[in-house]
Protein backbone atom coordinates (compact mmCIF):
# COMPACT_ATOMS: atom_id res chain seq x y z
CA UNK A 1 6.59 9.31 14.05
CA UNK A 2 6.31 13.26 14.21
CA UNK A 3 3.81 14.50 17.37
CA UNK A 4 1.33 15.43 15.06
CA UNK A 5 0.68 12.08 13.55
CA UNK A 6 0.91 10.42 16.78
CA UNK A 7 -1.77 13.13 17.81
CA UNK A 8 -4.02 12.22 14.78
CA UNK A 9 -3.90 8.90 15.34
CA UNK A 10 -4.82 8.61 19.17
CA UNK A 11 -7.30 10.79 18.56
CA UNK A 12 -8.59 8.54 15.65
CA UNK A 13 -8.44 5.59 17.61
CA UNK A 14 -10.10 7.37 21.26
CA UNK A 15 -13.11 8.39 18.79
CA UNK A 16 -13.52 4.72 17.34
CA UNK A 17 -13.55 3.06 20.81
CA UNK A 18 -16.28 5.43 21.88
CA UNK A 19 -18.22 5.08 18.76
CA UNK A 20 -17.65 1.61 18.05
CA UNK A 21 -17.68 0.75 21.79
CA UNK A 22 -17.85 -3.38 21.79
CA UNK A 23 -17.99 -3.37 18.01
CA UNK A 24 -13.97 -2.66 17.85
CA UNK A 25 -12.39 -5.54 18.00
CA UNK A 26 -8.95 -4.37 17.08
CA UNK A 27 -7.05 -1.47 15.65
CA UNK A 28 -3.79 -1.63 14.18
CA UNK A 29 -1.66 1.18 12.55
CA UNK A 30 0.40 0.03 9.47
CA UNK A 31 2.77 1.40 6.37
CA UNK A 32 4.80 4.45 6.93
CA UNK A 33 4.06 5.74 10.05
CA UNK A 34 5.48 2.38 11.69
CA UNK A 35 8.27 1.85 8.92
CA UNK A 36 9.53 5.33 10.22
CA UNK A 37 9.35 6.79 6.29
CA UNK A 38 6.13 8.75 6.49
CA UNK A 39 6.36 12.38 4.84
CA UNK A 40 4.78 14.83 6.51
CA UNK A 41 1.71 16.52 5.07
CA UNK A 42 1.95 13.78 2.56
CA UNK A 43 1.72 9.82 3.43
CA UNK A 44 -1.42 9.07 4.91
CA UNK A 45 -2.24 7.15 8.41
CA UNK A 46 -3.21 3.42 7.80
CA UNK A 47 -5.32 2.04 10.24
CA UNK A 48 -6.40 -1.39 9.86
CA UNK A 49 -10.00 -1.66 11.47
CA UNK A 50 -11.51 -4.92 12.60
CA UNK A 51 -14.99 -4.91 13.43
CA UNK A 52 -16.72 -7.55 15.29
CA UNK A 53 -19.88 -6.87 12.76
CA UNK A 54 -18.96 -5.27 9.62
CA UNK A 55 -22.11 -3.86 8.52
CA UNK A 56 -23.90 -0.69 6.98
CA UNK A 57 -24.71 0.40 10.87
CA UNK A 58 -20.76 0.48 11.71
CA UNK A 59 -19.81 1.71 8.40
CA UNK A 60 -21.78 5.00 9.21
CA UNK A 61 -20.16 5.15 12.69
CA UNK A 62 -16.95 4.91 11.51
CA UNK A 63 -17.42 7.84 9.27
CA UNK A 64 -19.02 9.54 11.71
CA UNK A 65 -15.94 8.99 13.84
CA UNK A 66 -13.05 9.29 11.44
CA UNK A 67 -15.03 12.65 9.87
CA UNK A 68 -12.09 15.22 11.58
CA UNK A 69 -9.19 12.87 10.40
CA UNK A 70 -8.44 13.55 6.99
CA UNK A 71 -5.00 12.51 7.49
CA UNK A 72 -6.37 8.64 8.41
CA UNK A 73 -6.63 5.77 5.89
CA UNK A 74 -9.24 3.21 6.88
CA UNK A 75 -9.27 -0.66 5.60
CA UNK A 76 -11.70 -1.95 7.53
CA UNK A 77 -13.01 -5.98 8.02
CA UNK A 78 -15.20 -7.97 9.96
CA UNK A 79 -13.95 -10.81 12.09
CA UNK A 80 -16.23 -13.18 10.14
CA UNK A 81 -14.17 -14.18 6.89
CA UNK A 82 -11.18 -12.42 8.38
CA UNK A 83 -8.45 -15.53 7.70
CA UNK A 84 -10.12 -15.43 3.84
CA UNK A 85 -9.55 -11.62 3.44
CA UNK A 86 -6.05 -12.21 4.50
CA UNK A 87 -5.45 -14.92 2.10
CA UNK A 88 -7.54 -12.72 -0.79
CA UNK A 89 -5.10 -9.76 0.29
CA UNK A 90 -2.11 -11.85 1.09
CA UNK A 91 0.59 -9.02 -0.70
CA UNK A 92 -0.75 -6.19 1.17
CA UNK A 93 -1.19 -8.13 4.86
CA UNK A 94 2.47 -9.63 4.04
CA UNK A 95 3.26 -6.36 4.01
CA UNK A 96 1.05 -5.01 6.82
CA UNK A 97 2.34 -7.94 9.19
CA UNK A 98 6.41 -6.75 8.85
CA UNK A 99 5.79 -3.01 9.92
CA UNK A 100 2.15 -2.72 12.31
CA UNK A 101 1.16 -1.52 15.44
CA UNK A 102 -1.43 -2.67 17.36
CA UNK A 103 -2.94 0.00 18.86
CA UNK A 104 -6.26 -1.44 20.42
CA UNK A 105 -7.87 -4.96 21.29
CA UNK A 106 -6.64 -8.29 20.24
CA UNK A 107 -3.95 -8.76 17.21
CA UNK A 108 -6.00 -10.19 14.66
CA UNK A 109 -2.86 -10.95 12.88
CA UNK A 110 -1.46 -13.74 15.53
CA UNK A 111 -0.74 -16.95 14.08
CA UNK A 112 -2.35 -16.80 10.50
CA UNK A 113 -0.38 -17.99 7.84
CA UNK A 114 -0.57 -18.00 4.13
CA UNK A 115 0.83 -20.28 1.40
CA UNK A 116 3.72 -18.97 -0.50
CA UNK A 117 1.88 -20.13 -3.76
CA UNK A 118 -1.39 -18.12 -2.98
CA UNK A 119 1.22 -15.14 -2.22
CA UNK A 120 3.57 -15.10 -5.35
CA UNK A 121 0.12 -15.77 -7.13
CA UNK A 122 -1.32 -12.77 -6.14
CA UNK A 123 1.65 -10.40 -5.89
CA UNK A 124 1.60 -11.40 -9.96
CA UNK A 125 -2.06 -10.38 -9.93
CA UNK A 126 -1.20 -6.88 -8.44
CA UNK A 127 1.78 -6.60 -10.79
CA UNK A 128 -0.39 -7.33 -13.90
CA UNK A 129 -3.16 -5.31 -12.53
CA UNK A 130 -0.91 -2.09 -11.86
CA UNK A 131 0.23 -2.42 -15.66
CA UNK A 132 -2.89 -2.79 -16.84
CA UNK A 133 -4.27 0.70 -14.88
CA UNK A 134 -1.17 2.21 -15.32
CA UNK A 135 -1.65 2.09 -19.44
CA UNK A 136 -5.22 2.67 -19.14
CA UNK A 137 -4.61 6.28 -17.09
CA UNK A 138 -2.07 6.99 -19.55
CA UNK A 139 -4.54 6.24 -22.93
CA UNK A 140 -6.76 7.90 -21.44
CA UNK A 141 -5.03 11.04 -20.35
CA UNK A 142 -6.90 13.54 -21.96
CA UNK A 143 -10.23 12.62 -20.94
CA UNK A 144 -9.60 11.68 -17.23
CA UNK A 145 -6.71 14.22 -16.77
CA UNK A 146 -5.99 11.69 -14.16
CA UNK A 147 -2.14 10.36 -15.30
CA UNK A 148 0.14 12.49 -12.81
CA UNK A 149 -2.42 11.29 -9.89
CA UNK A 150 -1.87 8.24 -10.63
CA UNK A 151 1.87 8.19 -10.89
CA UNK A 152 1.83 9.64 -7.33
CA UNK A 153 -0.62 7.35 -5.58
CA UNK A 154 1.07 4.50 -6.93
CA UNK A 155 4.48 5.17 -5.78
CA UNK A 156 4.04 3.23 -2.41
CA UNK A 157 2.09 0.22 -4.29
CA UNK A 158 4.78 -0.16 -6.82
CA UNK A 159 7.42 -0.68 -4.33
CA UNK A 160 5.55 -2.53 -2.09
CA UNK A 161 4.75 -4.96 -5.49
CA UNK A 162 8.33 -4.73 -6.16
CA UNK A 163 9.27 -5.88 -3.01
CA UNK A 164 7.09 -8.86 -2.34
CA UNK A 165 7.96 -10.24 -5.67
CA UNK A 166 11.99 -10.38 -4.46
CA UNK A 167 10.90 -11.61 -0.91
CA UNK A 168 9.00 -14.09 -2.21
CA UNK A 169 12.20 -15.25 -3.90
CA UNK A 170 14.10 -15.24 -0.91
CA UNK A 171 15.77 -11.58 -0.92
CA UNK A 172 16.10 -9.51 2.11
CA UNK A 173 14.90 -5.97 1.64
CA UNK A 174 15.28 -3.08 3.89
CA UNK A 175 12.77 -1.11 5.26
CA UNK A 176 13.69 2.23 3.49
CA UNK A 177 12.37 2.54 0.12
CA UNK A 178 15.20 4.50 -1.04
CA UNK A 179 17.61 1.75 0.44
CA UNK A 180 15.82 -0.76 -1.68
CA UNK A 181 16.03 0.64 -4.97
CA UNK A 182 19.98 -1.02 -5.37
CA UNK A 183 18.58 -4.04 -4.92
CA UNK A 184 15.26 -3.57 -7.62
CA UNK A 185 18.39 -2.87 -10.09
CA UNK A 186 20.43 -5.90 -9.55
CA UNK A 187 17.45 -8.60 -9.70
CA UNK A 188 15.24 -6.84 -12.29
CA UNK A 189 18.20 -5.17 -14.05
CA UNK A 190 15.84 -1.95 -14.33
CA UNK A 191 17.32 1.89 -14.16
CA UNK A 192 16.73 2.69 -10.34
CA UNK A 193 16.87 6.21 -11.73
CA UNK A 194 13.26 6.11 -12.34
CA UNK A 195 11.85 5.06 -8.73
CA UNK A 196 14.07 7.96 -7.50
CA UNK A 197 12.36 10.62 -9.47
CA UNK A 198 9.03 8.76 -8.33
CA UNK A 199 10.05 8.94 -4.57
CA UNK A 200 10.76 12.79 -5.12
CA UNK A 201 7.33 13.22 -6.91
CA UNK A 202 5.12 11.62 -4.51
CA UNK A 203 6.91 13.83 -2.11
CA UNK A 204 6.52 16.78 -4.24
CA UNK A 205 3.59 15.91 -6.35
CA UNK A 206 3.35 18.63 -9.03
CA UNK A 207 0.78 19.22 -12.48
CA UNK A 208 2.60 17.41 -15.55
CA UNK A 209 2.34 18.54 -19.08
CA UNK A 210 0.96 16.11 -21.52
CA UNK A 211 5.02 16.59 -22.62
CA UNK A 212 5.93 15.18 -19.19
CA UNK A 213 3.34 12.56 -18.92
CA UNK A 214 4.67 11.00 -22.11
CA UNK A 215 8.25 11.44 -21.04
CA UNK A 216 6.81 9.42 -17.69
CA UNK A 217 5.06 6.72 -18.87
CA UNK A 218 8.18 6.19 -21.51
CA UNK A 219 10.18 5.19 -18.26
CA UNK A 220 7.81 4.01 -16.03
CA UNK A 221 5.98 1.45 -18.11
CA UNK A 222 9.16 -0.30 -19.63
CA UNK A 223 10.08 -0.53 -16.01
CA UNK A 224 6.95 -2.46 -15.02
CA UNK A 225 7.09 -4.24 -17.70
CA UNK A 226 10.40 -5.67 -17.05
CA UNK A 227 9.52 -6.88 -14.03
CA UNK A 228 6.66 -8.54 -15.22
CA UNK A 229 9.10 -10.53 -17.32
CA UNK A 230 11.19 -11.32 -15.09
CA UNK A 231 8.48 -13.05 -12.67
CA UNK A 232 7.11 -14.82 -15.78
CA UNK A 233 10.74 -16.43 -16.30
CA UNK A 234 11.70 -16.88 -12.32
CA UNK A 235 7.49 -18.38 -11.38
CA UNK A 236 6.04 -21.35 -12.63
CA UNK A 237 3.14 -20.50 -14.36
């Protein structure tokens, strides 16, 4: 982690502690900053913020505390119903649990387990949702001008979803995204070049011409669809 990134999360957590006081039950750093593959100036600092009481007043306080922390991406939950939230976002929390660092308070994930069938269901749901939004973003690209941004913003979710699908089938997955690509190629029978190019696009986002958007979609959608077909074959309905 860079000195700049560490200073950013230390400042954010300090502000949260001052502003929230006892209402801040826990704060954890997760994602690329903990995995060690954060991109300076591109990657967010992902903070899991657990509040004793998650309400409108507390949200206003969090907004005020993080007002100067543009790099921080907060994931805010309350203690009430926290375990149910973990089950509802099982894939996200499975990823968080592998790479997180407790910054303040009690460890909110200590002792929490999720049934594998629930994880598989939600992983498939996430992949289907990604495929659905990918098609929607492409079809509406002339009106919304958002297809390029959609690709860039969904590189990490794509790698996470593909990784979770394989982990839930017993595969060991490396921490580094680039190191995962050969495994994806072998297991899903896909061309890893598109994944390498997506990582490069995330590192250096750029405006895409309409012809470039068409070319990207003709590479990315079949890959996601192939993973979806793998899920349908490997996992019982």
